[in-house]
Every structure is written in structure tokens, then in C-alpha cells.
Amino acid sequence: MKIDWKQKLCSRKFWAAIAGFVTALLVAFNVDELTIEQVVALITAVSSLIAFIIGEGLTDAARARHEGKGGGGLEK
């Protein structure tokens, strides 16, 4: 079974699971709360950026496919 990484990296559930797992590890290793908050904030920021980049890439690819089939574009 092949994993669709584009879909996973755009999934809010995936990133919530990652943040939850990392938070639990940091608590288990007795890391201070400020550091935990900073790590979770970093995971959230990176996940938002990755999802945006992949989402825009998929949108651009779909637009290019549509325009390549004669759709879209300005008529002269």
C-alpha cells in the first residue's frame, strides 16, 4: 500500500496528531512548558506553510492541465 504524502501533508488531522505526539514526548521527558509551547507553535507554523505550498501547487497544476486542453485563456 502506497502512502499519498501530498494528501497527508495537507491534512489537519495529520499535523494535529504530530503535534499531539511531540507534545506527549516532551511532557514525558519533563521539558519545561515554554519550550513545549514553542515547539507546538513551530509545528503549527510549518504545517500551515507546507499545506499552503502543496495546495497551491496542486491548484496551479490543475489550472495548467485545464488551459492545456483549450479551456481558459483569453480569446483574441
N, C-alpha and C. Protein backbone atom coordinates (compact mmCIF):
# COMPACT_ATOMS: atom_id res chain seq x y z
N MET A 1 0.84 -1.17 0.00
CA MET A 1 0.00 0.00 0.00
C MET A 1 0.89 1.25 0.00
N LYS A 2 0.67 2.10 -0.96
CA LYS A 2 1.48 3.31 -1.10
C LYS A 2 0.82 4.48 -0.35
N ILE A 3 1.63 5.26 0.35
CA ILE A 3 1.12 6.41 1.10
C ILE A 3 1.11 7.64 0.20
N ASP A 4 -0.02 8.34 0.17
CA ASP A 4 -0.15 9.57 -0.60
C ASP A 4 0.35 10.74 0.28
N TRP A 5 1.63 11.07 0.17
CA TRP A 5 2.23 12.08 1.04
C TRP A 5 1.67 13.47 0.82
N LYS A 6 1.26 13.78 -0.42
CA LYS A 6 0.65 15.09 -0.67
C LYS A 6 -0.60 15.25 0.17
N GLN A 7 -1.41 14.23 0.18
CA GLN A 7 -2.66 14.27 0.96
C GLN A 7 -2.36 14.33 2.45
N LYS A 8 -1.42 13.52 2.91
CA LYS A 8 -1.07 13.51 4.33
C LYS A 8 -0.54 14.86 4.80
N LEU A 9 0.36 15.45 4.02
CA LEU A 9 0.96 16.72 4.43
C LEU A 9 -0.03 17.88 4.40
N CYS A 10 -1.12 17.74 3.69
CA CYS A 10 -2.16 18.77 3.66
C CYS A 10 -3.25 18.52 4.70
N SER A 11 -3.17 17.43 5.41
CA SER A 11 -4.21 17.04 6.35
C SER A 11 -4.02 17.70 7.72
N ARG A 12 -5.05 18.39 8.18
CA ARG A 12 -5.00 18.99 9.53
C ARG A 12 -4.95 17.91 10.59
N LYS A 13 -5.63 16.78 10.35
CA LYS A 13 -5.61 15.68 11.31
C LYS A 13 -4.20 15.12 11.49
N PHE A 14 -3.48 15.00 10.38
CA PHE A 14 -2.10 14.50 10.43
C PHE A 14 -1.24 15.41 11.30
N TRP A 15 -1.31 16.73 11.06
CA TRP A 15 -0.49 17.66 11.81
C TRP A 15 -0.93 17.76 13.27
N ALA A 16 -2.22 17.61 13.54
CA ALA A 16 -2.69 17.59 14.94
C ALA A 16 -2.13 16.35 15.65
N ALA A 17 -2.08 15.23 14.94
CA ALA A 17 -1.51 14.01 15.51
C ALA A 17 -0.02 14.18 15.79
N ILE A 18 0.69 14.80 14.85
CA ILE A 18 2.13 15.05 15.04
C ILE A 18 2.35 15.95 16.26
N ALA A 19 1.59 17.05 16.32
CA ALA A 19 1.73 17.99 17.46
C ALA A 19 1.41 17.29 18.77
N GLY A 20 0.35 16.47 18.78
CA GLY A 20 -0.01 15.75 20.00
C GLY A 20 1.05 14.76 20.42
N PHE A 21 1.61 14.04 19.46
CA PHE A 21 2.65 13.06 19.76
C PHE A 21 3.90 13.74 20.31
N VAL A 22 4.34 14.81 19.64
CA VAL A 22 5.54 15.53 20.08
C VAL A 22 5.31 16.15 21.46
N THR A 23 4.12 16.71 21.68
CA THR A 23 3.81 17.30 22.99
C THR A 23 3.89 16.24 24.08
N ALA A 24 3.30 15.07 23.82
CA ALA A 24 3.34 14.00 24.82
C ALA A 24 4.77 13.56 25.12
N LEU A 25 5.60 13.48 24.07
CA LEU A 25 7.01 13.13 24.29
C LEU A 25 7.72 14.17 25.15
N LEU A 26 7.49 15.43 24.85
CA LEU A 26 8.15 16.50 25.60
C LEU A 26 7.70 16.50 27.06
N VAL A 27 6.43 16.25 27.30
CA VAL A 27 5.93 16.17 28.68
C VAL A 27 6.55 14.97 29.38
N ALA A 28 6.63 13.84 28.68
CA ALA A 28 7.20 12.62 29.26
C ALA A 28 8.66 12.81 29.65
N PHE A 29 9.38 13.63 28.87
CA PHE A 29 10.78 13.89 29.18
C PHE A 29 10.96 15.12 30.05
N ASN A 30 9.87 15.60 30.64
CA ASN A 30 9.88 16.69 31.62
C ASN A 30 10.49 17.99 31.06
N VAL A 31 10.14 18.32 29.84
CA VAL A 31 10.58 19.57 29.21
C VAL A 31 9.70 20.70 29.75
N ASP A 32 10.28 21.87 29.94
CA ASP A 32 9.50 22.98 30.52
C ASP A 32 8.39 23.43 29.56
N GLU A 33 7.34 24.03 30.14
CA GLU A 33 6.14 24.38 29.38
C GLU A 33 6.41 25.39 28.27
N LEU A 34 7.28 26.35 28.49
CA LEU A 34 7.58 27.35 27.48
C LEU A 34 8.17 26.69 26.23
N THR A 35 9.07 25.76 26.43
CA THR A 35 9.68 25.05 25.30
C THR A 35 8.62 24.23 24.56
N ILE A 36 7.73 23.58 25.30
CA ILE A 36 6.66 22.80 24.67
C ILE A 36 5.79 23.72 23.81
N GLU A 37 5.42 24.87 24.34
CA GLU A 37 4.59 25.82 23.58
C GLU A 37 5.30 26.28 22.32
N GLN A 38 6.61 26.53 22.42
CA GLN A 38 7.37 26.97 21.26
C GLN A 38 7.45 25.88 20.20
N VAL A 39 7.65 24.64 20.61
CA VAL A 39 7.73 23.53 19.67
C VAL A 39 6.39 23.33 18.96
N VAL A 40 5.30 23.37 19.72
CA VAL A 40 3.97 23.20 19.12
C VAL A 40 3.67 24.35 18.15
N ALA A 41 4.06 25.57 18.52
CA ALA A 41 3.87 26.71 17.62
C ALA A 41 4.67 26.53 16.34
N LEU A 42 5.88 26.03 16.45
CA LEU A 42 6.71 25.78 15.28
C LEU A 42 6.10 24.71 14.38
N ILE A 43 5.61 23.63 14.96
CA ILE A 43 4.95 22.57 14.18
C ILE A 43 3.74 23.13 13.46
N THR A 44 2.95 23.94 14.15
CA THR A 44 1.76 24.54 13.55
C THR A 44 2.13 25.45 12.39
N ALA A 45 3.14 26.28 12.57
CA ALA A 45 3.57 27.20 11.51
C ALA A 45 4.09 26.44 10.29
N VAL A 46 4.92 25.45 10.52
CA VAL A 46 5.48 24.67 9.42
C VAL A 46 4.39 23.90 8.68
N SER A 47 3.46 23.32 9.44
CA SER A 47 2.38 22.55 8.79
C SER A 47 1.50 23.46 7.94
N SER A 48 1.23 24.67 8.42
CA SER A 48 0.43 25.61 7.62
C SER A 48 1.15 25.97 6.32
N LEU A 49 2.42 26.21 6.42
CA LEU A 49 3.21 26.57 5.25
C LEU A 49 3.26 25.42 4.24
N ILE A 50 3.51 24.22 4.71
CA ILE A 50 3.57 23.06 3.83
C ILE A 50 2.23 22.82 3.14
N ALA A 51 1.15 22.89 3.91
CA ALA A 51 -0.18 22.68 3.32
C ALA A 51 -0.48 23.74 2.27
N PHE A 52 -0.11 24.99 2.53
CA PHE A 52 -0.35 26.06 1.57
C PHE A 52 0.45 25.82 0.29
N ILE A 53 1.72 25.50 0.41
CA ILE A 53 2.57 25.29 -0.76
C ILE A 53 2.05 24.13 -1.60
N ILE A 54 1.73 23.01 -0.97
CA ILE A 54 1.24 21.86 -1.72
C ILE A 54 -0.12 22.18 -2.34
N GLY A 55 -0.99 22.82 -1.59
CA GLY A 55 -2.30 23.18 -2.11
C GLY A 55 -2.21 24.09 -3.32
N GLU A 56 -1.36 25.09 -3.24
CA GLU A 56 -1.17 26.00 -4.38
C GLU A 56 -0.56 25.28 -5.57
N GLY A 57 0.36 24.38 -5.31
CA GLY A 57 0.97 23.60 -6.39
C GLY A 57 -0.06 22.74 -7.10
N LEU A 58 -0.94 22.09 -6.34
CA LEU A 58 -1.99 21.28 -6.95
C LEU A 58 -2.97 22.14 -7.75
N THR A 59 -3.29 23.32 -7.22
CA THR A 59 -4.18 24.24 -7.93
C THR A 59 -3.55 24.71 -9.23
N ASP A 60 -2.28 25.08 -9.18
CA ASP A 60 -1.57 25.52 -10.39
C ASP A 60 -1.49 24.40 -11.42
N ALA A 61 -1.23 23.17 -10.96
CA ALA A 61 -1.14 22.04 -11.88
C ALA A 61 -2.49 21.78 -12.54
N ALA A 62 -3.57 21.86 -11.78
CA ALA A 62 -4.90 21.64 -12.35
C ALA A 62 -5.23 22.74 -13.36
N ARG A 63 -4.86 23.97 -13.04
CA ARG A 63 -5.11 25.09 -13.95
C ARG A 63 -4.33 24.89 -15.25
N ALA A 64 -3.08 24.46 -15.14
CA ALA A 64 -2.24 24.24 -16.33
C ALA A 64 -2.82 23.12 -17.19
N ARG A 65 -3.31 22.05 -16.56
CA ARG A 65 -3.93 20.96 -17.32
C ARG A 65 -5.18 21.45 -18.04
N HIS A 66 -5.98 22.26 -17.35
CA HIS A 66 -7.22 22.77 -17.94
C HIS A 66 -6.92 23.70 -19.11
N GLU A 67 -5.95 24.58 -18.94
CA GLU A 67 -5.59 25.51 -20.02
C GLU A 67 -4.94 24.78 -21.19
N GLY A 68 -4.27 23.70 -20.94
CA GLY A 68 -3.64 22.92 -21.99
C GLY A 68 -4.66 22.18 -22.85
N LYS A 69 -5.85 22.00 -22.34
CA LYS A 69 -6.91 21.31 -23.09
C LYS A 69 -7.79 22.29 -23.85
N GLY A 70 -7.36 23.53 -23.94
CA GLY A 70 -8.13 24.52 -24.70
C GLY A 70 -9.09 25.33 -23.87
N GLY A 71 -9.17 25.06 -22.58
CA GLY A 71 -10.07 25.82 -21.71
C GLY A 71 -9.33 27.02 -21.14
N GLY A 72 -10.04 28.01 -20.70
CA GLY A 72 -9.43 29.18 -20.08
C GLY A 72 -8.66 30.01 -21.09
N GLY A 73 -7.98 30.96 -20.63
CA GLY A 73 -7.20 31.82 -21.53
C GLY A 73 -8.06 32.87 -22.18
N LEU A 74 -7.43 33.88 -22.70
CA LEU A 74 -8.14 34.97 -23.35
C LEU A 74 -8.23 34.73 -24.84
N GLU A 75 -9.37 35.00 -25.40
CA GLU A 75 -9.57 34.87 -26.84
C GLU A 75 -9.11 36.13 -27.53
N LYS A 76 -8.47 35.99 -28.69
CA LYS A 76 -8.00 37.16 -29.44
C LYS A 76 -8.86 37.39 -30.63
